Amino acid sequence: MLSAAIDVYEFKDPEKEKRFQELAYELRCPKCQNQNLTDSNAEIAKDLRTKIQQMLEADKSNPEIIDYMVERYGDFVLYKPRVKPQTYLLWYGPALFIILGLISIAWILRGRAKKQANTTAEATELSATQTQQLDDLLHIKKDKKS
């Protein structure tokens, strides 16, 4: 049977405990990479949870705590990175790729429509010989009816 130590963080103020839970859930473990601080059992996650508790007890605001974590561990600790020049591609890239895809599809469809129109126009155009033959046939039919 496996057993793991459970860290208990006690707060005198229930509001600080709520903020602690929110921050630990919102920040990513630098070692685990795909777990937040709440879910991670890594030593660094435990240290960061302790640091969050200390900063909350020191009456630091959530933005101050987040700024501290980002300053030390980079934007990676945020599940939702801030919008800044280094993250523009992350935030706006998907929309840009969708727009470029739609433009490409429209361009391809327009090219196909032009090609089909040209093919249809070429098929309906008659050469001079064919026009003369058609005129002769029409005149023969007119003569037979008269």
N, C-alpha and C. Protein backbone atom coordinates (compact mmCIF):
# COMPACT_ATOMS: atom_id res chain seq x y z
N MET A 1 0.84 -1.17 0.00
CA MET A 1 0.00 0.00 0.00
C MET A 1 0.90 1.24 0.00
N LEU A 2 0.58 2.17 -0.88
CA LEU A 2 1.35 3.40 -0.97
C LEU A 2 0.75 4.46 -0.07
N SER A 3 1.59 5.22 0.50
CA SER A 3 1.08 6.34 1.29
C SER A 3 1.95 7.56 0.98
N ALA A 4 1.33 8.69 0.96
CA ALA A 4 2.05 9.92 0.67
C ALA A 4 1.75 10.92 1.77
N ALA A 5 2.72 11.73 2.06
CA ALA A 5 2.51 12.76 3.06
C ALA A 5 1.59 13.82 2.48
N ILE A 6 0.67 14.27 3.28
CA ILE A 6 -0.26 15.30 2.85
C ILE A 6 0.14 16.59 3.55
N ASP A 7 0.39 17.60 2.74
CA ASP A 7 0.76 18.90 3.30
C ASP A 7 -0.51 19.60 3.78
N VAL A 8 -0.45 20.12 4.95
CA VAL A 8 -1.58 20.86 5.51
C VAL A 8 -1.14 22.30 5.71
N TYR A 9 -1.88 23.19 5.09
CA TYR A 9 -1.57 24.60 5.21
C TYR A 9 -2.73 25.25 5.96
N GLU A 10 -2.43 25.73 7.16
CA GLU A 10 -3.47 26.32 7.99
C GLU A 10 -3.42 27.83 7.90
N PHE A 11 -4.62 28.39 7.83
CA PHE A 11 -4.76 29.83 7.74
C PHE A 11 -5.74 30.29 8.81
N LYS A 12 -5.49 31.45 9.39
CA LYS A 12 -6.42 32.01 10.37
C LYS A 12 -7.62 32.63 9.66
N ASP A 13 -7.39 33.10 8.45
CA ASP A 13 -8.44 33.77 7.68
C ASP A 13 -8.92 32.84 6.56
N PRO A 14 -10.22 32.51 6.51
CA PRO A 14 -10.72 31.63 5.44
C PRO A 14 -10.55 32.23 4.04
N GLU A 15 -10.52 33.55 3.96
CA GLU A 15 -10.32 34.21 2.67
C GLU A 15 -8.91 33.92 2.13
N LYS A 16 -7.92 33.93 3.02
CA LYS A 16 -6.55 33.61 2.60
C LYS A 16 -6.43 32.15 2.19
N GLU A 17 -7.14 31.28 2.87
CA GLU A 17 -7.13 29.86 2.50
C GLU A 17 -7.74 29.68 1.10
N LYS A 18 -8.81 30.40 0.83
CA LYS A 18 -9.44 30.33 -0.50
C LYS A 18 -8.47 30.84 -1.57
N ARG A 19 -7.82 31.96 -1.29
CA ARG A 19 -6.84 32.52 -2.24
C ARG A 19 -5.69 31.55 -2.45
N PHE A 20 -5.24 30.89 -1.37
CA PHE A 20 -4.18 29.90 -1.48
C PHE A 20 -4.58 28.79 -2.45
N GLN A 21 -5.80 28.27 -2.28
CA GLN A 21 -6.28 27.20 -3.15
C GLN A 21 -6.35 27.66 -4.61
N GLU A 22 -6.84 28.88 -4.83
CA GLU A 22 -6.93 29.43 -6.19
C GLU A 22 -5.55 29.57 -6.82
N LEU A 23 -4.61 30.13 -6.05
CA LEU A 23 -3.25 30.33 -6.58
C LEU A 23 -2.56 28.99 -6.86
N ALA A 24 -2.67 28.05 -5.94
CA ALA A 24 -2.03 26.75 -6.12
C ALA A 24 -2.63 26.01 -7.31
N TYR A 25 -3.90 26.25 -7.58
CA TYR A 25 -4.57 25.62 -8.72
C TYR A 25 -4.19 26.33 -10.03
N GLU A 26 -3.98 27.63 -9.95
CA GLU A 26 -3.71 28.45 -11.14
C GLU A 26 -2.26 28.36 -11.61
N LEU A 27 -1.33 28.08 -10.71
CA LEU A 27 0.09 28.05 -11.06
C LEU A 27 0.54 26.63 -11.39
N ARG A 28 1.41 26.51 -12.40
CA ARG A 28 1.90 25.22 -12.87
C ARG A 28 3.21 24.86 -12.17
N CYS A 29 3.37 23.58 -11.91
CA CYS A 29 4.61 23.09 -11.31
C CYS A 29 5.74 23.17 -12.34
N PRO A 30 6.86 23.82 -12.02
CA PRO A 30 7.97 23.92 -12.98
C PRO A 30 8.59 22.57 -13.34
N LYS A 31 8.51 21.61 -12.45
CA LYS A 31 9.11 20.30 -12.72
C LYS A 31 8.15 19.38 -13.47
N CYS A 32 6.92 19.32 -13.02
CA CYS A 32 5.95 18.37 -13.60
C CYS A 32 5.45 18.81 -14.97
N GLN A 33 5.44 20.07 -15.23
CA GLN A 33 5.10 20.67 -16.50
C GLN A 33 3.62 20.59 -16.88
N ASN A 34 2.89 19.58 -16.47
CA ASN A 34 1.49 19.54 -16.86
C ASN A 34 0.59 19.35 -15.64
N GLN A 35 1.08 19.74 -14.48
CA GLN A 35 0.29 19.68 -13.27
C GLN A 35 0.36 21.02 -12.56
N ASN A 36 -0.73 21.36 -11.92
CA ASN A 36 -0.67 22.59 -11.14
C ASN A 36 -0.03 22.29 -9.78
N LEU A 37 0.18 23.30 -9.00
CA LEU A 37 0.85 23.11 -7.70
C LEU A 37 0.00 22.27 -6.75
N THR A 38 -1.32 22.33 -6.90
CA THR A 38 -2.20 21.54 -6.04
C THR A 38 -2.02 20.05 -6.28
N ASP A 39 -1.90 19.65 -7.54
CA ASP A 39 -1.84 18.23 -7.90
C ASP A 39 -0.44 17.62 -7.83
N SER A 40 0.58 18.45 -7.82
CA SER A 40 1.95 17.96 -7.89
C SER A 40 2.49 17.55 -6.52
N ASN A 41 3.25 16.45 -6.52
CA ASN A 41 3.93 16.01 -5.31
C ASN A 41 5.43 16.29 -5.35
N ALA A 42 5.88 16.99 -6.37
CA ALA A 42 7.30 17.31 -6.51
C ALA A 42 7.74 18.23 -5.37
N GLU A 43 9.00 18.11 -5.01
CA GLU A 43 9.54 18.93 -3.91
C GLU A 43 9.41 20.42 -4.21
N ILE A 44 9.66 20.79 -5.46
CA ILE A 44 9.57 22.21 -5.80
C ILE A 44 8.13 22.71 -5.67
N ALA A 45 7.16 21.87 -5.97
CA ALA A 45 5.75 22.26 -5.82
C ALA A 45 5.44 22.47 -4.33
N LYS A 46 5.96 21.60 -3.50
CA LYS A 46 5.75 21.76 -2.05
C LYS A 46 6.38 23.07 -1.57
N ASP A 47 7.59 23.36 -2.06
CA ASP A 47 8.27 24.60 -1.69
C ASP A 47 7.47 25.82 -2.15
N LEU A 48 6.92 25.74 -3.37
CA LEU A 48 6.15 26.87 -3.90
C LEU A 48 4.84 27.05 -3.13
N ARG A 49 4.21 25.96 -2.74
CA ARG A 49 2.99 26.08 -1.93
C ARG A 49 3.32 26.74 -0.59
N THR A 50 4.45 26.35 0.00
CA THR A 50 4.88 26.97 1.26
C THR A 50 5.16 28.45 1.06
N LYS A 51 5.81 28.79 -0.06
CA LYS A 51 6.11 30.20 -0.35
C LYS A 51 4.82 31.00 -0.53
N ILE A 52 3.83 30.40 -1.21
CA ILE A 52 2.54 31.08 -1.38
C ILE A 52 1.91 31.33 -0.01
N GLN A 53 1.95 30.33 0.86
CA GLN A 53 1.39 30.49 2.20
C GLN A 53 2.09 31.63 2.95
N GLN A 54 3.41 31.65 2.88
CA GLN A 54 4.17 32.69 3.57
C GLN A 54 3.81 34.08 3.03
N MET A 55 3.70 34.18 1.71
CA MET A 55 3.38 35.48 1.11
C MET A 55 1.95 35.91 1.44
N LEU A 56 1.04 34.96 1.52
CA LEU A 56 -0.33 35.31 1.92
C LEU A 56 -0.37 35.77 3.37
N GLU A 57 0.38 35.11 4.22
CA GLU A 57 0.45 35.51 5.62
C GLU A 57 1.11 36.88 5.77
N ALA A 58 1.96 37.24 4.80
CA ALA A 58 2.61 38.56 4.80
C ALA A 58 1.72 39.60 4.10
N ASP A 59 0.47 39.23 3.84
CA ASP A 59 -0.53 40.12 3.22
C ASP A 59 -0.16 40.59 1.82
N LYS A 60 0.49 39.72 1.06
CA LYS A 60 0.78 40.03 -0.35
C LYS A 60 -0.49 39.77 -1.17
N SER A 61 -0.66 40.56 -2.23
CA SER A 61 -1.83 40.39 -3.09
C SER A 61 -1.58 39.25 -4.09
N ASN A 62 -2.64 38.76 -4.70
CA ASN A 62 -2.48 37.70 -5.71
C ASN A 62 -1.56 38.14 -6.86
N PRO A 63 -1.74 39.35 -7.42
CA PRO A 63 -0.81 39.77 -8.48
C PRO A 63 0.64 39.82 -8.03
N GLU A 64 0.89 40.22 -6.78
CA GLU A 64 2.26 40.25 -6.28
C GLU A 64 2.84 38.83 -6.19
N ILE A 65 2.03 37.90 -5.75
CA ILE A 65 2.49 36.51 -5.64
C ILE A 65 2.76 35.93 -7.02
N ILE A 66 1.85 36.18 -7.95
CA ILE A 66 2.02 35.68 -9.32
C ILE A 66 3.26 36.31 -9.96
N ASP A 67 3.43 37.62 -9.77
CA ASP A 67 4.63 38.30 -10.31
C ASP A 67 5.91 37.69 -9.75
N TYR A 68 5.90 37.37 -8.46
CA TYR A 68 7.06 36.74 -7.83
C TYR A 68 7.37 35.41 -8.52
N MET A 69 6.35 34.60 -8.72
CA MET A 69 6.54 33.27 -9.34
C MET A 69 7.02 33.40 -10.78
N VAL A 70 6.44 34.33 -11.52
CA VAL A 70 6.84 34.53 -12.92
C VAL A 70 8.26 35.05 -13.00
N GLU A 71 8.63 35.94 -12.08
CA GLU A 71 9.98 36.49 -12.06
C GLU A 71 11.02 35.38 -11.86
N ARG A 72 10.70 34.41 -11.03
CA ARG A 72 11.65 33.34 -10.74
C ARG A 72 11.59 32.17 -11.71
N TYR A 73 10.41 31.85 -12.21
CA TYR A 73 10.25 30.64 -13.03
C TYR A 73 9.78 30.91 -14.45
N GLY A 74 9.55 32.16 -14.79
CA GLY A 74 9.13 32.51 -16.14
C GLY A 74 7.64 32.33 -16.35
N ASP A 75 7.19 32.68 -17.55
CA ASP A 75 5.76 32.59 -17.89
C ASP A 75 5.25 31.16 -17.87
N PHE A 76 6.16 30.21 -17.87
CA PHE A 76 5.77 28.80 -17.89
C PHE A 76 4.90 28.42 -16.69
N VAL A 77 5.09 29.09 -15.55
CA VAL A 77 4.31 28.73 -14.37
C VAL A 77 2.85 29.14 -14.48
N LEU A 78 2.54 29.95 -15.49
CA LEU A 78 1.16 30.38 -15.69
C LEU A 78 0.47 29.48 -16.70
N TYR A 79 -0.71 28.98 -16.38
CA TYR A 79 -1.47 28.21 -17.35
C TYR A 79 -2.04 29.13 -18.44
N LYS A 80 -2.28 30.38 -18.07
CA LYS A 80 -2.75 31.37 -19.04
C LYS A 80 -1.69 32.47 -19.11
N PRO A 81 -0.71 32.33 -20.02
CA PRO A 81 0.34 33.34 -20.11
C PRO A 81 -0.22 34.73 -20.41
N ARG A 82 0.48 35.72 -19.95
CA ARG A 82 0.06 37.10 -20.19
C ARG A 82 0.23 37.46 -21.67
N VAL A 83 -0.61 38.38 -22.14
CA VAL A 83 -0.51 38.84 -23.52
C VAL A 83 0.60 39.90 -23.58
N LYS A 84 1.67 39.55 -24.28
CA LYS A 84 2.80 40.47 -24.47
C LYS A 84 3.49 40.04 -25.77
N PRO A 85 4.41 40.84 -26.29
CA PRO A 85 5.01 40.51 -27.59
C PRO A 85 5.56 39.09 -27.70
N GLN A 86 6.09 38.55 -26.62
CA GLN A 86 6.64 37.19 -26.68
C GLN A 86 5.55 36.13 -26.79
N THR A 87 4.31 36.46 -26.44
CA THR A 87 3.24 35.46 -26.46
C THR A 87 2.16 35.78 -27.50
N TYR A 88 2.40 36.77 -28.38
CA TYR A 88 1.40 37.11 -29.40
C TYR A 88 1.06 35.90 -30.27
N LEU A 89 2.06 35.16 -30.70
CA LEU A 89 1.80 34.00 -31.55
C LEU A 89 0.94 32.97 -30.82
N LEU A 90 1.20 32.79 -29.55
CA LEU A 90 0.40 31.85 -28.75
C LEU A 90 -1.06 32.30 -28.67
N TRP A 91 -1.29 33.59 -28.45
CA TRP A 91 -2.65 34.09 -28.29
C TRP A 91 -3.36 34.30 -29.62
N TYR A 92 -2.65 34.85 -30.61
CA TYR A 92 -3.32 35.22 -31.86
C TYR A 92 -3.03 34.27 -33.01
N GLY A 93 -2.08 33.37 -32.84
CA GLY A 93 -1.71 32.43 -33.90
C GLY A 93 -2.86 31.57 -34.41
N PRO A 94 -3.64 30.96 -33.52
CA PRO A 94 -4.75 30.13 -34.01
C PRO A 94 -5.73 30.90 -34.90
N ALA A 95 -6.09 32.12 -34.48
CA ALA A 95 -7.01 32.92 -35.29
C ALA A 95 -6.37 33.28 -36.63
N LEU A 96 -5.09 33.59 -36.61
CA LEU A 96 -4.37 33.92 -37.84
C LEU A 96 -4.36 32.73 -38.80
N PHE A 97 -4.10 31.53 -38.27
CA PHE A 97 -4.08 30.33 -39.12
C PHE A 97 -5.46 30.03 -39.68
N ILE A 98 -6.51 30.26 -38.91
CA ILE A 98 -7.87 30.04 -39.42
C ILE A 98 -8.18 31.02 -40.54
N ILE A 99 -7.83 32.28 -40.34
CA ILE A 99 -8.07 33.30 -41.38
C ILE A 99 -7.28 32.96 -42.65
N LEU A 100 -6.01 32.61 -42.50
CA LEU A 100 -5.20 32.25 -43.67
C LEU A 100 -5.77 31.01 -44.36
N GLY A 101 -6.27 30.06 -43.60
CA GLY A 101 -6.89 28.86 -44.18
C GLY A 101 -8.14 29.21 -44.98
N LEU A 102 -8.97 30.08 -44.44
CA LEU A 102 -10.19 30.49 -45.15
C LEU A 102 -9.86 31.26 -46.43
N ILE A 103 -8.86 32.12 -46.36
CA ILE A 103 -8.43 32.86 -47.56
C ILE A 103 -7.91 31.88 -48.61
N SER A 104 -7.12 30.90 -48.19
CA SER A 104 -6.59 29.90 -49.12
C SER A 104 -7.72 29.10 -49.78
N ILE A 105 -8.69 28.69 -48.99
CA ILE A 105 -9.82 27.93 -49.54
C ILE A 105 -10.60 28.78 -50.53
N ALA A 106 -10.85 30.05 -50.18
CA ALA A 106 -11.56 30.95 -51.10
C ALA A 106 -10.78 31.13 -52.39
N TRP A 107 -9.47 31.28 -52.28
CA TRP A 107 -8.63 31.47 -53.46
C TRP A 107 -8.67 30.23 -54.36
N ILE A 108 -8.57 29.05 -53.76
CA ILE A 108 -8.60 27.80 -54.52
C ILE A 108 -9.95 27.64 -55.21
N LEU A 109 -11.03 27.89 -54.48
CA LEU A 109 -12.37 27.74 -55.07
C LEU A 109 -12.60 28.75 -56.19
N ARG A 110 -12.10 29.97 -56.00
CA ARG A 110 -12.25 30.99 -57.05
C ARG A 110 -11.46 30.60 -58.29
N GLY A 111 -10.26 30.05 -58.09
CA GLY A 111 -9.45 29.59 -59.22
C GLY A 111 -10.13 28.46 -59.97
N ARG A 112 -10.74 27.53 -59.25
CA ARG A 112 -11.46 26.42 -59.88
C ARG A 112 -12.67 26.92 -60.66
N ALA A 113 -13.37 27.89 -60.09
CA ALA A 113 -14.55 28.44 -60.77
C ALA A 113 -14.13 29.14 -62.07
N LYS A 114 -13.03 29.89 -62.03
CA LYS A 114 -12.53 30.56 -63.25
C LYS A 114 -12.13 29.53 -64.29
N LYS A 115 -11.43 28.50 -63.85
CA LYS A 115 -10.98 27.46 -64.77
C LYS A 115 -12.18 26.77 -65.42
N GLN A 116 -13.20 26.48 -64.61
CA GLN A 116 -14.39 25.81 -65.13
C GLN A 116 -15.13 26.73 -66.10
N ALA A 117 -15.19 28.04 -65.80
CA ALA A 117 -15.86 28.99 -66.69
C ALA A 117 -15.10 29.08 -68.01
N ASN A 118 -13.78 29.10 -67.95
CA ASN A 118 -12.98 29.15 -69.18
C ASN A 118 -13.16 27.90 -70.01
N THR A 119 -13.19 26.74 -69.36
CA THR A 119 -13.38 25.48 -70.06
C THR A 119 -14.74 25.44 -70.73
N THR A 120 -15.76 25.91 -70.01
CA THR A 120 -17.12 25.94 -70.57
C THR A 120 -17.17 26.91 -71.75
N ALA A 121 -16.54 28.06 -71.63
CA ALA A 121 -16.54 29.05 -72.71
C ALA A 121 -15.80 28.50 -73.92
N GLU A 122 -14.68 27.82 -73.70
CA GLU A 122 -13.93 27.24 -74.80
C GLU A 122 -14.73 26.15 -75.49
N ALA A 123 -15.47 25.39 -74.72
CA ALA A 123 -16.26 24.31 -75.29
C ALA A 123 -17.41 24.84 -76.12
N THR A 124 -17.94 26.01 -75.77
CA THR A 124 -19.07 26.56 -76.51
C THR A 124 -18.63 27.41 -77.70
N GLU A 125 -17.38 27.82 -77.75
CA GLU A 125 -16.90 28.59 -78.90
C GLU A 125 -16.71 27.66 -80.09
N LEU A 126 -17.14 28.12 -81.24
CA LEU A 126 -17.02 27.33 -82.46
C LEU A 126 -15.93 27.92 -83.34
N SER A 127 -15.25 27.04 -84.01
CA SER A 127 -14.23 27.52 -84.95
C SER A 127 -14.96 28.09 -86.18
N ALA A 128 -14.21 28.75 -87.04
CA ALA A 128 -14.80 29.35 -88.24
C ALA A 128 -15.42 28.26 -89.12
N THR A 129 -14.74 27.13 -89.24
CA THR A 129 -15.25 26.03 -90.05
C THR A 129 -16.54 25.48 -89.46
N GLN A 130 -16.55 25.32 -88.13
CA GLN A 130 -17.75 24.80 -87.48
C GLN A 130 -18.91 25.78 -87.62
N THR A 131 -18.62 27.07 -87.54
CA THR A 131 -19.67 28.08 -87.70
C THR A 131 -20.25 28.02 -89.11
N GLN A 132 -19.36 27.87 -90.09
CA GLN A 132 -19.82 27.79 -91.48
C GLN A 132 -20.68 26.54 -91.70
N GLN A 133 -20.24 25.42 -91.14
CA GLN A 133 -21.00 24.18 -91.27
C GLN A 133 -22.37 24.32 -90.61
N LEU A 134 -22.44 24.99 -89.46
CA LEU A 134 -23.71 25.18 -88.78
C LEU A 134 -24.62 26.08 -89.61
N ASP A 135 -24.07 27.13 -90.17
CA ASP A 135 -24.87 28.01 -91.03
C ASP A 135 -25.41 27.25 -92.24
N ASP A 136 -24.56 26.42 -92.84
CA ASP A 136 -25.00 25.63 -94.00
C ASP A 136 -26.14 24.70 -93.62
N LEU A 137 -26.02 24.05 -92.45
CA LEU A 137 -27.09 23.15 -92.00
C LEU A 137 -28.38 23.91 -91.76
N LEU A 138 -28.27 25.09 -91.15
CA LEU A 138 -29.47 25.87 -90.89
C LEU A 138 -30.12 26.33 -92.20
N HIS A 139 -29.33 26.69 -93.16
CA HIS A 139 -29.87 27.12 -94.47
C HIS A 139 -30.52 25.95 -95.20
N ILE A 140 -29.93 24.77 -95.08
CA ILE A 140 -30.51 23.59 -95.73
C ILE A 140 -31.88 23.30 -95.14
N LYS A 141 -31.99 23.40 -93.81
CA LYS A 141 -33.26 23.14 -93.15
C LYS A 141 -34.29 24.18 -93.57
N LYS A 142 -33.89 25.45 -93.67
CA LYS A 142 -34.81 26.51 -94.10
C LYS A 142 -35.28 26.23 -95.52
N ASP A 143 -34.39 25.81 -96.39
CA ASP A 143 -34.74 25.53 -97.78
C ASP A 143 -35.72 24.36 -97.87
N LYS A 144 -35.54 23.33 -97.05
CA LYS A 144 -36.42 22.18 -97.08
C LYS A 144 -37.81 22.56 -96.59
N LYS A 145 -37.93 23.48 -95.63
CA LYS A 145 -39.24 23.89 -95.13
C LYS A 145 -39.96 24.75 -96.13
N SER A 146 -39.30 25.47 -96.95
CA SER A 146 -39.94 26.39 -97.90
C SER A 146 -40.58 25.69 -99.05
